[in-house]
C-alpha cells in the first residue's frame, strides 16, 4: 500500500499516519468481530484467551501488519475460535468467518456517508488554507473507506488461511455424496474432480496448503508484473485492486 504511493510520489506525513491509524483499528475490529460472533454461537475460546476485546494490540500480528502496510498483502491478525465448541459448528463457523469482512464493509459504508458530507469543506480547508489537521482528517476518512473495502475483498478470497476459505469450507457438504451422483465422464476422465465432488469438505481441507501456495504464487507473480512494468494486469489486480476500486468509487459516489 505505502509502496504504491511511494512509487507515485504522492505520499506525505498526514497520509502515512492516516493509513497506519486506519489499518490498526480496522484490523482490531475485524478480529474482534470474529471473536464476538464465535462467542455468540457458544464458543468460549475467545473469552478464555482474553481476546474478546476491540483492542488492536491484543489481536495484531506485527510481521503481517507491516507487510500489509507496505505492499497491501499480509495476515494482520488471527482470532482464536473453535467451531467444535459452537452450538452449530457449520453455521457458527460460517458466520464467525464472515463477521470480520462484513464489519470492514460496514465501517467503509459509515465512513463513506460521513465523507460525502464533509469532503468538500475538508478539501477547501487543506487546499486553500493549508490546514494539516483537515488534510489528516480527509485522509482518515478516505482510507477508512478504501482500506476497509480492501480488507473486505481480500479476506473473501477462497485461499487458506483467509476468511473466504473458511466460509467455503463451512458451506460445503461434509458427508460423502453417492458415487452415482457424479457424472460418469468426470469419474473416468477427471479423477481429482470426481474425488472432490464425492467428499467436498474433506477435500477442501486437504487442499488447504495447496491453496496457500497458490495465493503466495499469485502474490509473487503480481509483484513481478508490477515491478517489471509488464503490459499485463497482475493477478491480484484482477482479484483485488479492480473490485476494491469499483466498490470504493460506488461508496464515494464517484
C-alpha atoms as a PDB file:
ATOM      1  CA  UNK A   1       0.000   0.000   0.000  1.00  0.00           C
ATOM      2  CA  UNK A   2       2.644   2.530   1.089  1.00  0.00           C
ATOM      3  CA  UNK A   3       4.946   1.152  -1.601  1.00  0.00           C
ATOM      4  CA  UNK A   4       2.392   2.026  -4.260  1.00  0.00           C
ATOM      5  CA  UNK A   5       2.095   5.626  -3.056  1.00  0.00           C
ATOM      6  CA  UNK A   6       5.865   5.940  -2.747  1.00  0.00           C
ATOM      7  CA  UNK A   7       6.260   4.938  -6.398  1.00  0.00           C
ATOM      8  CA  UNK A   8       3.758   7.588  -7.439  1.00  0.00           C
ATOM      9  CA  UNK A   9       5.436  10.246  -5.280  1.00  0.00           C
ATOM     10  CA  UNK A  10       2.119  11.172  -3.652  1.00  0.00           C
ATOM     11  CA  UNK A  11       2.916  10.181  -0.082  1.00  0.00           C
ATOM     12  CA  UNK A  12       3.290  12.607   2.839  1.00  0.00           C
ATOM     13  CA  UNK A  13       3.269  12.521   6.642  1.00  0.00           C
ATOM     14  CA  UNK A  14      -0.519  13.007   7.171  1.00  0.00           C
ATOM     15  CA  UNK A  15      -1.166  10.233   4.641  1.00  0.00           C
ATOM     16  CA  UNK A  16       1.261   7.812   6.337  1.00  0.00           C
ATOM     17  CA  UNK A  17      -0.252   8.478   9.773  1.00  0.00           C
ATOM     18  CA  UNK A  18      -3.795   8.097   8.432  1.00  0.00           C
ATOM     19  CA  UNK A  19      -3.026   4.753   6.738  1.00  0.00           C
ATOM     20  CA  UNK A  20      -1.365   3.332   9.864  1.00  0.00           C
ATOM     21  CA  UNK A  21      -4.167   4.539  12.156  1.00  0.00           C
ATOM     22  CA  UNK A  22      -6.972   3.246   9.922  1.00  0.00           C
ATOM     23  CA  UNK A  23      -5.393  -0.166   9.335  1.00  0.00           C
ATOM     24  CA  UNK A  24      -4.593  -0.544  13.025  1.00  0.00           C
ATOM     25  CA  UNK A  25      -8.174  -0.032  14.193  1.00  0.00           C
ATOM     26  CA  UNK A  26      -9.809  -1.704  11.168  1.00  0.00           C
ATOM     27  CA  UNK A  27      -7.791  -4.840  11.876  1.00  0.00           C
ATOM     28  CA  UNK A  28      -8.676  -4.699  15.581  1.00  0.00           C
ATOM     29  CA  UNK A  29     -12.417  -4.535  14.965  1.00  0.00           C
ATOM     30  CA  UNK A  30     -12.145  -7.181  12.232  1.00  0.00           C
ATOM     31  CA  UNK A  31     -10.658  -9.689  14.676  1.00  0.00           C
ATOM     32  CA  UNK A  32     -12.969  -8.568  17.492  1.00  0.00           C
ATOM     33  CA  UNK A  33     -15.962  -9.248  15.218  1.00  0.00           C
ATOM     34  CA  UNK A  34     -14.718 -12.832  14.731  1.00  0.00           C
ATOM     35  CA  UNK A  35     -14.377 -13.314  18.482  1.00  0.00           C
ATOM     36  CA  UNK A  36     -17.719 -11.691  19.274  1.00  0.00           C
ATOM     37  CA  UNK A  37     -19.586 -13.818  16.722  1.00  0.00           C
ATOM     38  CA  UNK A  38     -17.882 -17.008  17.909  1.00  0.00           C
ATOM     39  CA  UNK A  39     -18.905 -16.198  21.476  1.00  0.00           C
ATOM     40  CA  UNK A  40     -22.486 -15.572  20.364  1.00  0.00           C
ATOM     41  CA  UNK A  41     -22.514 -19.059  18.804  1.00  0.00           C
ATOM     42  CA  UNK A  42     -21.403 -20.529  22.113  1.00  0.00           C
ATOM     43  CA  UNK A  43     -17.621 -20.811  21.700  1.00  0.00           C
ATOM     44  CA  UNK A  44     -15.897 -19.729  24.948  1.00  0.00           C
ATOM     45  CA  UNK A  45     -12.407 -19.809  23.379  1.00  0.00           C
ATOM     46  CA  UNK A  46     -12.060 -16.031  22.699  1.00  0.00           C
ATOM     47  CA  UNK A  47     -13.077 -15.227  26.277  1.00  0.00           C
ATOM     48  CA  UNK A  48     -10.729 -17.878  27.680  1.00  0.00           C
ATOM     49  CA  UNK A  49      -7.869 -16.499  25.571  1.00  0.00           C
ATOM     50  CA  UNK A  50      -8.738 -12.928  26.659  1.00  0.00           C
ATOM     51  CA  UNK A  51      -9.330 -11.875  23.070  1.00  0.00           C
ATOM     52  CA  UNK A  52     -12.918 -10.697  23.461  1.00  0.00           C
ATOM     53  CA  UNK A  53     -11.900  -7.049  23.113  1.00  0.00           C
ATOM     54  CA  UNK A  54     -11.698  -4.486  20.270  1.00  0.00           C
ATOM     55  CA  UNK A  55      -8.191  -3.505  21.453  1.00  0.00           C
ATOM     56  CA  UNK A  56      -5.988  -3.931  18.316  1.00  0.00           C
ATOM     57  CA  UNK A  57      -2.889  -4.587  20.424  1.00  0.00           C
ATOM     58  CA  UNK A  58      -4.419  -7.870  21.591  1.00  0.00           C
ATOM     59  CA  UNK A  59      -5.060  -9.100  18.045  1.00  0.00           C
ATOM     60  CA  UNK A  60      -2.230  -7.689  15.958  1.00  0.00           C
ATOM     61  CA  UNK A  61       0.352  -9.851  14.206  1.00  0.00           C
ATOM     62  CA  UNK A  62       3.159  -7.360  13.666  1.00  0.00           C
ATOM     63  CA  UNK A  63       5.074  -9.036  10.770  1.00  0.00           C
ATOM     64  CA  UNK A  64       1.850  -9.448   8.769  1.00  0.00           C
ATOM     65  CA  UNK A  65       0.668  -5.940   9.706  1.00  0.00           C
ATOM     66  CA  UNK A  66       3.881  -4.327   8.456  1.00  0.00           C
ATOM     67  CA  UNK A  67       3.787  -6.420   5.283  1.00  0.00           C
ATOM     68  CA  UNK A  68       0.159  -5.421   4.609  1.00  0.00           C
ATOM     69  CA  UNK A  69       1.022  -1.792   5.334  1.00  0.00           C
ATOM     70  CA  UNK A  70       3.881  -1.767   2.826  1.00  0.00           C
ATOM     71  CA  UNK A  71       2.697  -3.987  -0.050  1.00  0.00           C
ATOM     72  CA  UNK A  72      -1.058  -4.342   0.595  1.00  0.00           C
ATOM     73  CA  UNK A  73      -0.851  -8.038   1.432  1.00  0.00           C
ATOM     74  CA  UNK A  74      -0.379  -9.850   4.749  1.00  0.00           C
ATOM     75  CA  UNK A  75      -2.103 -11.540   7.662  1.00  0.00           C
ATOM     76  CA  UNK A  76      -2.888  -8.748  10.125  1.00  0.00           C
ATOM     77  CA  UNK A  77      -4.116 -10.906  12.993  1.00  0.00           C
ATOM     78  CA  UNK A  78      -5.895 -14.088  13.927  1.00  0.00           C
ATOM     79  CA  UNK A  79      -8.892 -14.820  16.128  1.00  0.00           C
ATOM     80  CA  UNK A  80      -8.743 -17.903  18.408  1.00  0.00           C
ATOM     81  CA  UNK A  81     -12.038 -19.679  17.721  1.00  0.00           C
ATOM     82  CA  UNK A  82     -13.072 -23.330  17.846  1.00  0.00           C
ATOM     83  CA  UNK A  83     -16.124 -24.286  15.733  1.00  0.00           C
ATOM     84  CA  UNK A  84     -16.418 -27.633  17.544  1.00  0.00           C
ATOM     85  CA  UNK A  85     -17.436 -25.769  20.713  1.00  0.00           C
ATOM     86  CA  UNK A  86     -20.224 -23.849  18.959  1.00  0.00           C
ATOM     87  CA  UNK A  87     -23.928 -24.725  19.119  1.00  0.00           C
ATOM     88  CA  UNK A  88     -23.914 -25.277  15.372  1.00  0.00           C
ATOM     89  CA  UNK A  89     -20.336 -25.842  14.140  1.00  0.00           C
ATOM     90  CA  UNK A  90     -21.213 -25.409  10.479  1.00  0.00           C
ATOM     91  CA  UNK A  91     -23.173 -22.157  10.539  1.00  0.00           C
ATOM     92  CA  UNK A  92     -21.319 -20.868  13.573  1.00  0.00           C
ATOM     93  CA  UNK A  93     -18.064 -21.240  11.656  1.00  0.00           C
ATOM     94  CA  UNK A  94     -19.527 -19.593   8.550  1.00  0.00           C
ATOM     95  CA  UNK A  95     -20.873 -16.504  10.316  1.00  0.00           C
ATOM     96  CA  UNK A  96     -17.829 -16.214  12.546  1.00  0.00           C
ATOM     97  CA  UNK A  97     -15.622 -16.145   9.437  1.00  0.00           C
ATOM     98  CA  UNK A  98     -17.944 -13.723   7.637  1.00  0.00           C
ATOM     99  CA  UNK A  99     -18.183 -11.347  10.599  1.00  0.00           C
ATOM    100  CA  UNK A 100     -14.712  -9.867  10.050  1.00  0.00           C
ATOM    101  CA  UNK A 101     -15.075  -8.880   6.369  1.00  0.00           C
ATOM    102  CA  UNK A 102     -18.663  -7.710   6.902  1.00  0.00           C
ATOM    103  CA  UNK A 103     -17.502  -5.473   9.745  1.00  0.00           C
ATOM    104  CA  UNK A 104     -14.939  -3.901   7.419  1.00  0.00           C
ATOM    105  CA  UNK A 105     -17.639  -3.326   4.795  1.00  0.00           C
ATOM    106  CA  UNK A 106     -19.894  -1.725   7.415  1.00  0.00           C
ATOM    107  CA  UNK A 107     -17.081   0.592   8.512  1.00  0.00           C
ATOM    108  CA  UNK A 108     -16.463   1.542   4.880  1.00  0.00           C
ATOM    109  CA  UNK A 109     -20.142   2.388   4.365  1.00  0.00           C
ATOM    110  CA  UNK A 110     -20.308   4.537   7.513  1.00  0.00           C
ATOM    111  CA  UNK A 111     -17.078   6.331   6.573  1.00  0.00           C
ATOM    112  CA  UNK A 112     -18.421   6.923   3.047  1.00  0.00           C
ATOM    113  CA  UNK A 113     -21.601   8.515   4.390  1.00  0.00           C
ATOM    114  CA  UNK A 114     -19.553  10.878   6.578  1.00  0.00           C
ATOM    115  CA  UNK A 115     -17.124  11.541   3.711  1.00  0.00           C
ATOM    116  CA  UNK A 116     -19.912  12.686   1.400  1.00  0.00           C
ATOM    117  CA  UNK A 117     -20.959  15.350   3.919  1.00  0.00           C
ATOM    118  CA  UNK A 118     -17.542  16.722   4.907  1.00  0.00           C
ATOM    119  CA  UNK A 119     -15.177  16.046   1.999  1.00  0.00           C
ATOM    120  CA  UNK A 120     -15.705  19.425   0.298  1.00  0.00           C
ATOM    121  CA  UNK A 121     -15.133  21.620   3.398  1.00  0.00           C
ATOM    122  CA  UNK A 122     -12.130  19.493   4.401  1.00  0.00           C
ATOM    123  CA  UNK A 123     -10.697  19.780   0.888  1.00  0.00           C
ATOM    124  CA  UNK A 124     -11.105  23.560   0.898  1.00  0.00           C
ATOM    125  CA  UNK A 125      -9.503  23.789   4.339  1.00  0.00           C
ATOM    126  CA  UNK A 126      -6.307  21.940   3.462  1.00  0.00           C
ATOM    127  CA  UNK A 127      -6.002  23.064  -0.168  1.00  0.00           C
ATOM    128  CA  UNK A 128      -6.813  26.746   0.281  1.00  0.00           C
ATOM    129  CA  UNK A 129      -5.853  27.284   3.928  1.00  0.00           C
ATOM    130  CA  UNK A 130      -3.105  24.690   4.235  1.00  0.00           C
ATOM    131  CA  UNK A 131      -4.668  23.061   7.307  1.00  0.00           C
ATOM    132  CA  UNK A 132      -2.714  19.892   8.134  1.00  0.00           C
ATOM    133  CA  UNK A 133      -5.476  18.794  10.530  1.00  0.00           C
ATOM    134  CA  UNK A 134      -8.072  18.997   7.750  1.00  0.00           C
ATOM    135  CA  UNK A 135      -5.731  17.116   5.413  1.00  0.00           C
ATOM    136  CA  UNK A 136      -5.218  14.384   8.023  1.00  0.00           C
ATOM    137  CA  UNK A 137      -8.993  14.122   8.629  1.00  0.00           C
ATOM    138  CA  UNK A 138      -9.603  13.840   4.860  1.00  0.00           C
ATOM    139  CA  UNK A 139      -7.077  11.026   4.567  1.00  0.00           C
ATOM    140  CA  UNK A 140      -8.531   9.227   7.603  1.00  0.00           C
ATOM    141  CA  UNK A 141     -11.984   9.216   6.025  1.00  0.00           C
ATOM    142  CA  UNK A 142     -10.701   8.289   2.574  1.00  0.00           C
ATOM    143  CA  UNK A 143      -8.601   5.371   3.827  1.00  0.00           C
ATOM    144  CA  UNK A 144     -11.376   4.304   6.195  1.00  0.00           C
ATOM    145  CA  UNK A 145     -13.322   3.643   3.021  1.00  0.00           C
ATOM    146  CA  UNK A 146     -10.645   2.229   0.702  1.00  0.00           C
ATOM    147  CA  UNK A 147      -8.704   0.231   3.329  1.00  0.00           C
ATOM    148  CA  UNK A 148     -11.814  -1.368   4.792  1.00  0.00           C
ATOM    149  CA  UNK A 149     -13.052  -2.244   1.305  1.00  0.00           C
ATOM    150  CA  UNK A 150      -9.609  -3.742   0.663  1.00  0.00           C
ATOM    151  CA  UNK A 151      -9.835  -5.849   3.842  1.00  0.00           C
ATOM    152  CA  UNK A 152     -13.371  -6.888   2.874  1.00  0.00           C
ATOM    153  CA  UNK A 153     -12.410  -8.051  -0.630  1.00  0.00           C
ATOM    154  CA  UNK A 154      -9.044  -9.547   0.338  1.00  0.00           C
ATOM    155  CA  UNK A 155     -10.450 -11.650   3.161  1.00  0.00           C
ATOM    156  CA  UNK A 156     -13.194 -13.075   0.943  1.00  0.00           C
ATOM    157  CA  UNK A 157     -10.659 -14.733  -1.352  1.00  0.00           C
ATOM    158  CA  UNK A 158     -11.062 -18.540  -1.083  1.00  0.00           C
ATOM    159  CA  UNK A 159      -7.439 -19.220  -0.162  1.00  0.00           C
ATOM    160  CA  UNK A 160      -6.192 -20.618   3.136  1.00  0.00           C
ATOM    161  CA  UNK A 161      -5.951 -19.097   5.764  1.00  0.00           C
ATOM    162  CA  UNK A 162      -8.270 -16.274   4.693  1.00  0.00           C
ATOM    163  CA  UNK A 163     -11.871 -15.961   5.856  1.00  0.00           C
ATOM    164  CA  UNK A 164     -13.189 -16.801   2.400  1.00  0.00           C
ATOM    165  CA  UNK A 165     -11.556 -20.237   2.553  1.00  0.00           C
ATOM    166  CA  UNK A 166     -13.247 -20.973   5.891  1.00  0.00           C
ATOM    167  CA  UNK A 167     -16.597 -19.743   4.626  1.00  0.00           C
ATOM    168  CA  UNK A 168     -16.407 -22.108   1.647  1.00  0.00           C
ATOM    169  CA  UNK A 169     -15.419 -24.944   3.993  1.00  0.00           C
ATOM    170  CA  UNK A 170     -18.479 -24.289   6.150  1.00  0.00           C
ATOM    171  CA  UNK A 171     -20.811 -24.281   3.128  1.00  0.00           C
ATOM    172  CA  UNK A 172     -19.523 -27.486   1.535  1.00  0.00           C
ATOM    173  CA  UNK A 173     -21.262 -30.764   2.414  1.00  0.00           C
ATOM    174  CA  UNK A 174     -19.297 -32.721   4.981  1.00  0.00           C
ATOM    175  CA  UNK A 175     -20.656 -36.141   4.124  1.00  0.00           C
ATOM    176  CA  UNK A 176     -19.753 -38.310   1.153  1.00  0.00           C
ATOM    177  CA  UNK A 177     -22.119 -37.998  -1.757  1.00  0.00           C
ATOM    178  CA  UNK A 178     -23.472 -41.026  -3.581  1.00  0.00           C
ATOM    179  CA  UNK A 179     -20.918 -42.002  -6.233  1.00  0.00           C
ATOM    180  CA  UNK A 180     -23.719 -42.248  -8.816  1.00  0.00           C
ATOM    181  CA  UNK A 181     -24.388 -38.519  -8.408  1.00  0.00           C
ATOM    182  CA  UNK A 182     -21.040 -37.749 -10.038  1.00  0.00           C
ATOM    183  CA  UNK A 183     -21.289 -37.859 -13.878  1.00  0.00           C
ATOM    184  CA  UNK A 184     -19.565 -40.877 -15.391  1.00  0.00           C
ATOM    185  CA  UNK A 185     -17.422 -38.733 -17.706  1.00  0.00           C
ATOM    186  CA  UNK A 186     -15.976 -36.884 -14.720  1.00  0.00           C
ATOM    187  CA  UNK A 187     -15.346 -40.095 -12.780  1.00  0.00           C
ATOM    188  CA  UNK A 188     -13.399 -41.571 -15.704  1.00  0.00           C
ATOM    189  CA  UNK A 189     -11.545 -38.535 -17.039  1.00  0.00           C
ATOM    190  CA  UNK A 190     -11.146 -36.135 -14.098  1.00  0.00           C
ATOM    191  CA  UNK A 191     -10.343 -38.249 -11.058  1.00  0.00           C
ATOM    192  CA  UNK A 192      -9.338 -35.338  -8.717  1.00  0.00           C
ATOM    193  CA  UNK A 193     -12.573 -33.512  -9.536  1.00  0.00           C
ATOM    194  CA  UNK A 194     -14.533 -36.731  -9.056  1.00  0.00           C
ATOM    195  CA  UNK A 195     -12.955 -37.309  -5.653  1.00  0.00           C
ATOM    196  CA  UNK A 196     -13.676 -33.737  -4.623  1.00  0.00           C
ATOM    197  CA  UNK A 197     -17.332 -33.984  -5.635  1.00  0.00           C
ATOM    198  CA  UNK A 198     -17.704 -37.115  -3.546  1.00  0.00           C
ATOM    199  CA  UNK A 199     -16.296 -35.524  -0.398  1.00  0.00           C
ATOM    200  CA  UNK A 200     -16.241 -31.726  -0.800  1.00  0.00           C
ATOM    201  CA  UNK A 201     -15.483 -30.500   2.717  1.00  0.00           C
ATOM    202  CA  UNK A 202     -12.856 -33.149   3.373  1.00  0.00           C
ATOM    203  CA  UNK A 203     -11.082 -32.465   0.083  1.00  0.00           C
ATOM    204  CA  UNK A 204     -11.245 -28.705   0.650  1.00  0.00           C
ATOM    205  CA  UNK A 205      -9.395 -29.218   3.940  1.00  0.00           C
ATOM    206  CA  UNK A 206      -6.836 -31.468   2.284  1.00  0.00           C
ATOM    207  CA  UNK A 207      -6.191 -28.794  -0.331  1.00  0.00           C
ATOM    208  CA  UNK A 208      -5.663 -26.040   2.270  1.00  0.00           C
ATOM    209  CA  UNK A 209      -1.883 -25.975   1.947  1.00  0.00           C
ATOM    210  CA  UNK A 210      -2.087 -26.131  -1.847  1.00  0.00           C
ATOM    211  CA  UNK A 211      -4.435 -23.123  -1.877  1.00  0.00           C
ATOM    212  CA  UNK A 212      -1.988 -21.254   0.359  1.00  0.00           C
ATOM    213  CA  UNK A 213       0.796 -21.939  -2.146  1.00  0.00           C
ATOM    214  CA  UNK A 214      -1.464 -20.684  -4.949  1.00  0.00           C
ATOM    215  CA  UNK A 215      -2.041 -17.450  -3.023  1.00  0.00           C
ATOM    216  CA  UNK A 216       1.688 -16.996  -2.459  1.00  0.00           C
ATOM    217  CA  UNK A 217       2.335 -17.640  -6.161  1.00  0.00           C
ATOM    218  CA  UNK A 218      -0.257 -15.021  -7.122  1.00  0.00           C
ATOM    219  CA  UNK A 219       1.413 -12.506  -4.816  1.00  0.00           C
ATOM    220  CA  UNK A 220       4.883 -13.191  -6.256  1.00  0.00           C
ATOM    221  CA  UNK A 221       3.643 -13.024  -9.852  1.00  0.00           C
ATOM    222  CA  UNK A 222       1.794  -9.773  -9.122  1.00  0.00           C
ATOM    223  CA  UNK A 223       4.888  -8.197  -7.553  1.00  0.00           C
ATOM    224  CA  UNK A 224       6.986  -9.204 -10.564  1.00  0.00           C
ATOM    225  CA  UNK A 225       4.432  -7.827 -13.028  1.00  0.00           C
ATOM    226  CA  UNK A 226       4.221  -4.525 -11.140  1.00  0.00           C
ATOM    227  CA  UNK A 227       7.984  -4.115 -10.592  1.00  0.00           C
ATOM    228  CA  UNK A 228       8.859  -5.007 -14.181  1.00  0.00           C
ATOM    229  CA  UNK A 229       6.080  -2.785 -15.561  1.00  0.00           C
ATOM    230  CA  UNK A 230       4.811  -5.559 -17.796  1.00  0.00           C
ATOM    231  CA  UNK A 231       1.893  -4.567 -20.072  1.00  0.00           C
ATOM    232  CA  UNK A 232      -0.454  -7.104 -18.482  1.00  0.00           C
ATOM    233  CA  UNK A 233      -2.691  -6.875 -15.416  1.00  0.00           C
ATOM    234  CA  UNK A 234      -1.372  -8.667 -12.361  1.00  0.00           C
ATOM    235  CA  UNK A 235      -3.488 -11.489 -10.876  1.00  0.00           C
ATOM    236  CA  UNK A 236      -4.084  -9.574  -7.658  1.00  0.00           C
ATOM    237  CA  UNK A 237      -5.115  -6.526  -9.656  1.00  0.00           C
ATOM    238  CA  UNK A 238      -7.896  -8.569 -11.219  1.00  0.00           C
ATOM    239  CA  UNK A 239      -8.847 -10.284  -7.950  1.00  0.00           C
ATOM    240  CA  UNK A 240      -8.438  -7.379  -5.537  1.00  0.00           C
ATOM    241  CA  UNK A 241      -7.488  -3.955  -6.919  1.00  0.00           C
ATOM    242  CA  UNK A 242     -10.203  -3.656  -9.542  1.00  0.00           C
ATOM    243  CA  UNK A 243     -13.079  -4.805  -7.263  1.00  0.00           C
ATOM    244  CA  UNK A 244     -11.761  -2.551  -4.461  1.00  0.00           C
ATOM    245  CA  UNK A 245     -11.610   0.428  -6.812  1.00  0.00           C
ATOM    246  CA  UNK A 246     -15.132  -0.216  -8.131  1.00  0.00           C
ATOM    247  CA  UNK A 247     -16.676  -0.610  -4.656  1.00  0.00           C
ATOM    248  CA  UNK A 248     -14.796   2.401  -3.266  1.00  0.00           C
ATOM    249  CA  UNK A 249     -15.937   4.645  -6.113  1.00  0.00           C
ATOM    250  CA  UNK A 250     -19.514   3.407  -5.676  1.00  0.00           C
ATOM    251  CA  UNK A 251     -19.483   4.213  -1.953  1.00  0.00           C
ATOM    252  CA  UNK A 252     -17.915   7.631  -2.517  1.00  0.00           C
ATOM    253  CA  UNK A 253     -20.394   8.439  -5.278  1.00  0.00           C
ATOM    254  CA  UNK A 254     -17.762   8.935  -7.988  1.00  0.00           C
END
